[in-house]
Amino acid sequence: MPDSADARRRWFGLFFLVVAGGMLIWGETVLKPSLSGLAFLLYWFVCFLLTSLAIVIAILDMRATRRRAREEQRRLLERTWNGLDHRPDDWDQTR
């Protein structure tokens, strides 16, 4: 079950992705005539940085989800194994 850390991580990822997408749209439409030289480089570097942060957060979220799934599977197997009745006498009587 996702917890508050998962929700926070996903909101940050969404935030960085939306801001980077907004910068992409603004940079290609409204700001294109005014971006030149160092301002051009800084603007697109910030956009690249925000996109990279969104990717890193997505990878971290994927790792956390996989880890949680492995733990749940291990717990399920342990509960199943511990719930089995290991008496061979009962097995012989059912045949």
N, C-alpha and C. Protein backbone atom coordinates (compact mmCIF):
# COMPACT_ATOMS: atom_id res chain seq x y z
N MET A 1 0.84 -1.18 0.00
CA MET A 1 0.00 0.00 0.00
C MET A 1 0.89 1.24 0.00
N PRO A 2 0.66 2.16 -0.90
CA PRO A 2 1.47 3.39 -0.94
C PRO A 2 1.32 4.20 0.35
N ASP A 3 2.40 4.83 0.75
CA ASP A 3 2.37 5.66 1.95
C ASP A 3 2.62 7.12 1.58
N SER A 4 2.80 7.95 2.60
CA SER A 4 2.96 9.38 2.35
C SER A 4 4.25 9.70 1.60
N ALA A 5 5.29 8.90 1.80
CA ALA A 5 6.54 9.13 1.06
C ALA A 5 6.33 8.88 -0.43
N ASP A 6 5.53 7.87 -0.76
CA ASP A 6 5.23 7.59 -2.17
C ASP A 6 4.44 8.74 -2.78
N ALA A 7 3.45 9.20 -2.05
CA ALA A 7 2.63 10.30 -2.56
C ALA A 7 3.47 11.56 -2.76
N ARG A 8 4.32 11.85 -1.80
CA ARG A 8 5.18 13.04 -1.91
C ARG A 8 6.12 12.91 -3.11
N ARG A 9 6.71 11.73 -3.26
CA ARG A 9 7.64 11.51 -4.37
C ARG A 9 6.91 11.66 -5.71
N ARG A 10 5.71 11.14 -5.80
CA ARG A 10 4.96 11.23 -7.06
C ARG A 10 4.52 12.66 -7.35
N TRP A 11 4.16 13.41 -6.32
CA TRP A 11 3.79 14.82 -6.53
C TRP A 11 5.00 15.63 -7.00
N PHE A 12 6.17 15.37 -6.40
CA PHE A 12 7.37 16.07 -6.86
C PHE A 12 7.69 15.73 -8.31
N GLY A 13 7.59 14.47 -8.65
CA GLY A 13 7.83 14.05 -10.03
C GLY A 13 6.88 14.72 -11.00
N LEU A 14 5.60 14.76 -10.63
CA LEU A 14 4.61 15.42 -11.47
C LEU A 14 4.89 16.91 -11.59
N PHE A 15 5.26 17.53 -10.48
CA PHE A 15 5.56 18.97 -10.49
C PHE A 15 6.71 19.28 -11.45
N PHE A 16 7.81 18.52 -11.32
CA PHE A 16 8.97 18.76 -12.19
C PHE A 16 8.62 18.52 -13.65
N LEU A 17 7.82 17.50 -13.92
CA LEU A 17 7.44 17.20 -15.29
C LEU A 17 6.55 18.29 -15.88
N VAL A 18 5.61 18.78 -15.09
CA VAL A 18 4.70 19.83 -15.58
C VAL A 18 5.47 21.13 -15.81
N VAL A 19 6.36 21.49 -14.89
CA VAL A 19 7.14 22.73 -15.07
C VAL A 19 8.04 22.62 -16.30
N ALA A 20 8.69 21.46 -16.48
CA ALA A 20 9.56 21.27 -17.65
C ALA A 20 8.73 21.33 -18.94
N GLY A 21 7.54 20.72 -18.92
CA GLY A 21 6.67 20.79 -20.10
C GLY A 21 6.21 22.22 -20.38
N GLY A 22 5.87 22.94 -19.34
CA GLY A 22 5.50 24.35 -19.51
C GLY A 22 6.65 25.18 -20.07
N MET A 23 7.85 24.91 -19.55
CA MET A 23 9.02 25.64 -20.07
C MET A 23 9.27 25.31 -21.53
N LEU A 24 9.06 24.06 -21.90
CA LEU A 24 9.24 23.66 -23.29
C LEU A 24 8.27 24.40 -24.20
N ILE A 25 7.00 24.44 -23.81
CA ILE A 25 5.99 25.12 -24.62
C ILE A 25 6.27 26.61 -24.70
N TRP A 26 6.56 27.24 -23.55
CA TRP A 26 6.85 28.68 -23.55
C TRP A 26 8.13 29.00 -24.32
N GLY A 27 9.13 28.14 -24.17
CA GLY A 27 10.39 28.40 -24.86
C GLY A 27 10.29 28.28 -26.36
N GLU A 28 9.39 27.42 -26.84
CA GLU A 28 9.24 27.25 -28.28
C GLU A 28 8.21 28.19 -28.89
N THR A 29 7.40 28.84 -28.07
CA THR A 29 6.38 29.73 -28.62
C THR A 29 6.62 31.18 -28.22
N VAL A 30 6.34 31.51 -26.99
CA VAL A 30 6.34 32.90 -26.54
C VAL A 30 7.76 33.47 -26.42
N LEU A 31 8.67 32.70 -25.83
CA LEU A 31 10.00 33.23 -25.54
C LEU A 31 11.03 33.00 -26.64
N LYS A 32 10.68 32.30 -27.69
CA LYS A 32 11.65 31.96 -28.73
C LYS A 32 12.35 33.19 -29.33
N PRO A 33 11.63 34.26 -29.65
CA PRO A 33 12.32 35.42 -30.22
C PRO A 33 13.26 36.13 -29.23
N SER A 34 12.97 36.04 -27.93
CA SER A 34 13.77 36.81 -26.97
C SER A 34 14.91 35.99 -26.35
N LEU A 35 14.93 34.68 -26.53
CA LEU A 35 16.00 33.86 -25.97
C LEU A 35 17.18 33.82 -26.94
N SER A 36 18.31 34.29 -26.46
CA SER A 36 19.53 34.22 -27.27
C SER A 36 20.74 34.26 -26.36
N GLY A 37 21.82 33.72 -26.83
CA GLY A 37 23.06 33.76 -26.08
C GLY A 37 23.00 32.96 -24.78
N LEU A 38 23.49 33.59 -23.71
CA LEU A 38 23.56 32.94 -22.41
C LEU A 38 22.16 32.65 -21.85
N ALA A 39 21.21 33.54 -22.09
CA ALA A 39 19.83 33.31 -21.62
C ALA A 39 19.25 32.05 -22.25
N PHE A 40 19.54 31.83 -23.52
CA PHE A 40 19.09 30.62 -24.21
C PHE A 40 19.66 29.37 -23.55
N LEU A 41 20.96 29.40 -23.29
CA LEU A 41 21.61 28.25 -22.67
C LEU A 41 21.10 27.99 -21.26
N LEU A 42 20.96 29.02 -20.47
CA LEU A 42 20.45 28.85 -19.10
C LEU A 42 19.01 28.36 -19.08
N TYR A 43 18.18 28.90 -19.93
CA TYR A 43 16.78 28.51 -19.97
C TYR A 43 16.65 27.02 -20.29
N TRP A 44 17.32 26.58 -21.33
CA TRP A 44 17.20 25.19 -21.73
C TRP A 44 17.95 24.26 -20.79
N PHE A 45 18.97 24.74 -20.11
CA PHE A 45 19.63 23.92 -19.09
C PHE A 45 18.69 23.67 -17.91
N VAL A 46 17.96 24.70 -17.50
CA VAL A 46 17.00 24.54 -16.40
C VAL A 46 15.89 23.58 -16.82
N CYS A 47 15.43 23.69 -18.05
CA CYS A 47 14.41 22.77 -18.56
C CYS A 47 14.95 21.34 -18.56
N PHE A 48 16.18 21.15 -19.02
CA PHE A 48 16.81 19.83 -19.01
C PHE A 48 16.98 19.31 -17.59
N LEU A 49 17.36 20.17 -16.67
CA LEU A 49 17.54 19.77 -15.28
C LEU A 49 16.22 19.31 -14.66
N LEU A 50 15.15 20.04 -14.90
CA LEU A 50 13.85 19.66 -14.37
C LEU A 50 13.37 18.33 -14.96
N THR A 51 13.61 18.13 -16.24
CA THR A 51 13.25 16.86 -16.88
C THR A 51 14.06 15.72 -16.28
N SER A 52 15.34 15.96 -16.05
CA SER A 52 16.20 14.93 -15.45
C SER A 52 15.74 14.60 -14.03
N LEU A 53 15.35 15.60 -13.27
CA LEU A 53 14.83 15.35 -11.92
C LEU A 53 13.56 14.50 -11.96
N ALA A 54 12.69 14.78 -12.92
CA ALA A 54 11.46 13.99 -13.05
C ALA A 54 11.80 12.53 -13.37
N ILE A 55 12.80 12.31 -14.21
CA ILE A 55 13.21 10.95 -14.56
C ILE A 55 13.82 10.24 -13.36
N VAL A 56 14.67 10.92 -12.62
CA VAL A 56 15.29 10.32 -11.43
C VAL A 56 14.22 9.95 -10.39
N ILE A 57 13.27 10.83 -10.19
CA ILE A 57 12.20 10.54 -9.23
C ILE A 57 11.36 9.35 -9.70
N ALA A 58 11.11 9.26 -11.01
CA ALA A 58 10.37 8.11 -11.54
C ALA A 58 11.13 6.81 -11.31
N ILE A 59 12.45 6.84 -11.48
CA ILE A 59 13.26 5.64 -11.25
C ILE A 59 13.24 5.27 -9.77
N LEU A 60 13.35 6.26 -8.89
CA LEU A 60 13.28 5.98 -7.45
C LEU A 60 11.92 5.40 -7.07
N ASP A 61 10.86 5.92 -7.65
CA ASP A 61 9.53 5.40 -7.37
C ASP A 61 9.40 3.97 -7.87
N MET A 62 9.95 3.68 -9.03
CA MET A 62 9.90 2.33 -9.58
C MET A 62 10.65 1.36 -8.67
N ARG A 63 11.81 1.76 -8.18
CA ARG A 63 12.59 0.90 -7.28
C ARG A 63 11.83 0.65 -5.97
N ALA A 64 11.21 1.68 -5.43
CA ALA A 64 10.45 1.52 -4.18
C ALA A 64 9.26 0.59 -4.39
N THR A 65 8.59 0.72 -5.52
CA THR A 65 7.44 -0.14 -5.81
C THR A 65 7.88 -1.58 -5.99
N ARG A 66 8.97 -1.81 -6.68
CA ARG A 66 9.48 -3.17 -6.85
C ARG A 66 9.91 -3.77 -5.51
N ARG A 67 10.58 -2.98 -4.68
CA ARG A 67 11.00 -3.47 -3.37
C ARG A 67 9.79 -3.86 -2.53
N ARG A 68 8.76 -3.02 -2.54
CA ARG A 68 7.56 -3.31 -1.77
C ARG A 68 6.86 -4.57 -2.31
N ALA A 69 6.84 -4.75 -3.62
CA ALA A 69 6.22 -5.94 -4.19
C ALA A 69 6.99 -7.20 -3.80
N ARG A 70 8.33 -7.13 -3.81
CA ARG A 70 9.13 -8.29 -3.37
C ARG A 70 8.86 -8.62 -1.91
N GLU A 71 8.79 -7.60 -1.06
CA GLU A 71 8.51 -7.84 0.36
C GLU A 71 7.14 -8.45 0.57
N GLU A 72 6.15 -7.96 -0.15
CA GLU A 72 4.80 -8.51 -0.04
C GLU A 72 4.76 -9.97 -0.51
N GLN A 73 5.47 -10.26 -1.60
CA GLN A 73 5.50 -11.63 -2.10
C GLN A 73 6.19 -12.56 -1.10
N ARG A 74 7.27 -12.09 -0.51
CA ARG A 74 7.98 -12.89 0.49
C ARG A 74 7.09 -13.14 1.71
N ARG A 75 6.39 -12.10 2.18
CA ARG A 75 5.48 -12.28 3.32
C ARG A 75 4.35 -13.26 2.99
N LEU A 76 3.83 -13.16 1.78
CA LEU A 76 2.76 -14.06 1.37
C LEU A 76 3.26 -15.51 1.35
N LEU A 77 4.45 -15.72 0.80
CA LEU A 77 5.00 -17.07 0.79
C LEU A 77 5.26 -17.58 2.20
N GLU A 78 5.75 -16.75 3.09
CA GLU A 78 5.99 -17.16 4.47
C GLU A 78 4.68 -17.51 5.18
N ARG A 79 3.65 -16.68 4.97
CA ARG A 79 2.36 -16.97 5.59
C ARG A 79 1.77 -18.27 5.05
N THR A 80 1.91 -18.48 3.76
CA THR A 80 1.39 -19.70 3.15
C THR A 80 2.15 -20.92 3.68
N TRP A 81 3.46 -20.81 3.70
CA TRP A 81 4.28 -21.92 4.17
C TRP A 81 4.00 -22.22 5.65
N ASN A 82 3.88 -21.20 6.46
CA ASN A 82 3.60 -21.40 7.89
C ASN A 82 2.18 -21.91 8.13
N GLY A 83 1.28 -21.67 7.22
CA GLY A 83 -0.10 -22.11 7.37
C GLY A 83 -0.32 -23.55 6.95
N LEU A 84 0.65 -24.14 6.26
CA LEU A 84 0.52 -25.53 5.84
C LEU A 84 0.66 -26.45 7.04
N ASP A 85 -0.07 -27.53 7.01
CA ASP A 85 -0.01 -28.52 8.06
C ASP A 85 0.92 -29.63 7.56
N HIS A 86 2.06 -29.80 8.17
CA HIS A 86 3.07 -30.73 7.69
C HIS A 86 2.97 -32.07 8.40
N ARG A 87 1.84 -32.74 8.25
CA ARG A 87 1.70 -34.06 8.85
C ARG A 87 1.49 -35.08 7.74
N PRO A 88 2.47 -35.92 7.50
CA PRO A 88 2.33 -36.90 6.43
C PRO A 88 1.23 -37.92 6.70
N ASP A 89 0.82 -38.12 7.96
CA ASP A 89 -0.24 -39.07 8.28
C ASP A 89 -1.55 -38.67 7.60
N ASP A 90 -1.86 -37.38 7.62
CA ASP A 90 -3.10 -36.91 7.00
C ASP A 90 -3.07 -37.11 5.49
N TRP A 91 -1.90 -36.96 4.90
CA TRP A 91 -1.81 -37.10 3.45
C TRP A 91 -2.04 -38.55 3.04
N ASP A 92 -1.56 -39.48 3.82
CA ASP A 92 -1.74 -40.88 3.49
C ASP A 92 -3.20 -41.29 3.59
N GLN A 93 -3.98 -40.71 4.47
CA GLN A 93 -5.37 -41.08 4.66
C GLN A 93 -6.26 -40.56 3.55
N THR A 94 -5.85 -39.47 2.86
CA THR A 94 -6.68 -38.90 1.82
C THR A 94 -6.57 -39.67 0.51
N ARG A 95 -5.62 -40.55 0.37
CA ARG A 95 -5.44 -41.27 -0.90
C ARG A 95 -6.33 -42.43 -1.03
